[in-house]
C-alpha atoms as a PDB file:
ATOM      1  CA  MET A   1       0.485   8.919 -14.822  1.00  0.00           C
ATOM      2  CA  TRP A   2      -2.880   7.542 -13.741  1.00  0.00           C
ATOM      3  CA  SER A   3      -1.892   4.043 -14.787  1.00  0.00           C
ATOM      4  CA  ARG A   4       1.149   4.156 -12.514  1.00  0.00           C
ATOM      5  CA  THR A   5      -0.988   5.500  -9.693  1.00  0.00           C
ATOM      6  CA  PHE A   6      -3.484   2.682 -10.111  1.00  0.00           C
ATOM      7  CA  ALA A   7      -0.660   0.114 -10.212  1.00  0.00           C
ATOM      8  CA  GLY A   8       0.756   1.452  -6.961  1.00  0.00           C
ATOM      9  CA  LEU A   9      -2.665   1.610  -5.378  1.00  0.00           C
ATOM     10  CA  VAL A  10      -3.811  -1.911  -6.255  1.00  0.00           C
ATOM     11  CA  LEU A  11      -0.677  -3.994  -6.683  1.00  0.00           C
ATOM     12  CA  GLY A  12       1.192  -2.100  -3.991  1.00  0.00           C
ATOM     13  CA  PHE A  13      -1.601  -2.840  -1.530  1.00  0.00           C
ATOM     14  CA  PHE A  14      -1.536  -6.567  -2.221  1.00  0.00           C
ATOM     15  CA  ALA A  15       2.262  -6.724  -2.214  1.00  0.00           C
ATOM     16  CA  ALA A  16       2.463  -4.859   1.100  1.00  0.00           C
ATOM     17  CA  MET A  17      -0.205  -7.106   2.582  1.00  0.00           C
ATOM     18  CA  ALA A  18       1.670 -10.257   1.536  1.00  0.00           C
ATOM     19  CA  LEU A  19       5.052  -8.939   2.698  1.00  0.00           C
ATOM     20  CA  CYS A  20       3.687  -7.952   6.096  1.00  0.00           C
ATOM     21  CA  ALA A  21       1.958 -11.298   6.534  1.00  0.00           C
ATOM     22  CA  THR A  22       5.147 -13.120   5.557  1.00  0.00           C
ATOM     23  CA  LEU A  23       7.099 -11.095   8.069  1.00  0.00           C
ATOM     24  CA  ALA A  24       4.536 -11.931  10.749  1.00  0.00           C
ATOM     25  CA  TYR A  25       4.708 -15.637   9.992  1.00  0.00           C
ATOM     26  CA  LEU A  26       8.511 -15.676  10.099  1.00  0.00           C
ATOM     27  CA  THR A  27       8.884 -14.136  13.560  1.00  0.00           C
ATOM     28  CA  PRO A  28      10.259 -16.574  16.130  1.00  0.00           C
ATOM     29  CA  ALA A  29       7.479 -15.915  18.651  1.00  0.00           C
ATOM     30  CA  GLY A  30       4.703 -16.629  16.168  1.00  0.00           C
ATOM     31  CA  TRP A  31       2.424 -14.445  14.124  1.00  0.00           C
ATOM     32  CA  GLN A  32       0.129 -13.687  17.092  1.00  0.00           C
ATOM     33  CA  SER A  33       2.817 -11.608  18.785  1.00  0.00           C
ATOM     34  CA  ALA A  34       3.757  -9.756  15.588  1.00  0.00           C
ATOM     35  CA  VAL A  35       0.304  -8.526  14.588  1.00  0.00           C
ATOM     36  CA  ILE A  36       0.533  -5.021  16.067  1.00  0.00           C
ATOM     37  CA  PRO A  37       4.031  -4.171  14.732  1.00  0.00           C
ATOM     38  CA  VAL A  38       3.078  -5.515  11.310  1.00  0.00           C
ATOM     39  CA  ILE A  39      -0.095  -3.416  11.283  1.00  0.00           C
ATOM     40  CA  ALA A  40       2.071  -0.371  12.033  1.00  0.00           C
ATOM     41  CA  LEU A  41       4.505  -1.344   9.271  1.00  0.00           C
ATOM     42  CA  PHE A  42       1.856  -1.887   6.601  1.00  0.00           C
ATOM     43  CA  PRO A  43       1.139   1.759   5.613  1.00  0.00           C
ATOM     44  CA  LEU A  44       4.846   2.570   5.470  1.00  0.00           C
ATOM     45  CA  LEU A  45       5.532  -0.385   3.215  1.00  0.00           C
ATOM     46  CA  TRP A  46       2.537   0.397   1.015  1.00  0.00           C
ATOM     47  CA  LEU A  47       3.612   4.016   0.592  1.00  0.00           C
ATOM     48  CA  GLY A  48       7.152   2.874  -0.152  1.00  0.00           C
ATOM     49  CA  LEU A  49       5.941   0.570  -2.904  1.00  0.00           C
ATOM     50  CA  PHE A  50       3.652   3.329  -4.117  1.00  0.00           C
ATOM     51  CA  ALA A  51       6.645   5.668  -4.446  1.00  0.00           C
ATOM     52  CA  VAL A  52       8.749   3.079  -6.283  1.00  0.00           C
ATOM     53  CA  VAL A  53       6.149   2.945  -9.041  1.00  0.00           C
ATOM     54  CA  TYR A  54       6.940   6.521 -10.034  1.00  0.00           C
ATOM     55  CA  ALA A  55      10.616   5.670 -10.443  1.00  0.00           C
ATOM     56  CA  SER A  56       9.857   3.413 -13.405  1.00  0.00           C
ATOM     57  CA  ARG A  57      10.126   4.878 -16.878  1.00  0.00           C
ATOM     58  CA  THR A  58       6.805   3.686 -18.263  1.00  0.00           C
ATOM     59  CA  ALA A  59       3.502   2.547 -16.865  1.00  0.00           C
ATOM     60  CA  THR A  60       4.002  -0.885 -18.391  1.00  0.00           C
ATOM     61  CA  ARG A  61       7.260  -1.345 -16.492  1.00  0.00           C
ATOM     62  CA  ALA A  62       5.532  -0.215 -13.326  1.00  0.00           C
ATOM     63  CA  TRP A  63       2.771  -2.791 -13.766  1.00  0.00           C
ATOM     64  CA  VAL A  64       5.167  -5.601 -14.661  1.00  0.00           C
ATOM     65  CA  GLY A  65       7.652  -4.804 -11.906  1.00  0.00           C
ATOM     66  CA  LEU A  66       5.091  -4.402  -9.172  1.00  0.00           C
ATOM     67  CA  GLY A  67       3.128  -7.385 -10.479  1.00  0.00           C
ATOM     68  CA  ALA A  68       6.233  -9.553 -10.237  1.00  0.00           C
ATOM     69  CA  THR A  69       6.878  -8.211  -6.744  1.00  0.00           C
ATOM     70  CA  THR A  70       3.334  -9.063  -5.742  1.00  0.00           C
ATOM     71  CA  LEU A  71       3.582 -12.597  -7.103  1.00  0.00           C
ATOM     72  CA  VAL A  72       6.887 -13.204  -5.329  1.00  0.00           C
ATOM     73  CA  ALA A  73       5.496 -11.785  -2.080  1.00  0.00           C
ATOM     74  CA  TRP A  74       2.441 -14.048  -2.211  1.00  0.00           C
ATOM     75  CA  ALA A  75       4.618 -17.055  -3.063  1.00  0.00           C
ATOM     76  CA  ALA A  76       6.790 -16.244  -0.038  1.00  0.00           C
ATOM     77  CA  LEU A  77       3.694 -16.009   2.136  1.00  0.00           C
ATOM     78  CA  LEU A  78       2.407 -19.367   0.950  1.00  0.00           C
ATOM     79  CA  LEU A  79       5.829 -20.907   1.521  1.00  0.00           C
ATOM     80  CA  ALA A  80       6.052 -19.413   5.016  1.00  0.00           C
ATOM     81  CA  ARG A  81       2.605 -20.756   5.879  1.00  0.00           C
ATOM     82  CA  ALA A  82       3.501 -24.193   4.549  1.00  0.00           C
ATOM     83  CA  VAL A  83       6.762 -24.336   6.496  1.00  0.00           C
ATOM     84  CA  TRP A  84       5.430 -23.111   9.832  1.00  0.00           C
END
């Protein structure tokens, strides 16, 4: 139980941060105009990822699944920054 909570707390935070930043970079008007909506979206996304962790059967699956999500989110952010 605590391992899943820690996975959602740490990995969910970094995944939500990367997903929000990617969304900000991909807006047509530029990331400067999307900062406030993305800041409002961040806690909702983090809590959503936090809740998904408890749907996994084991703590190991929670760590692996959310870890993969975090890596993909950061790769998408780096790709979005490289493209724009």
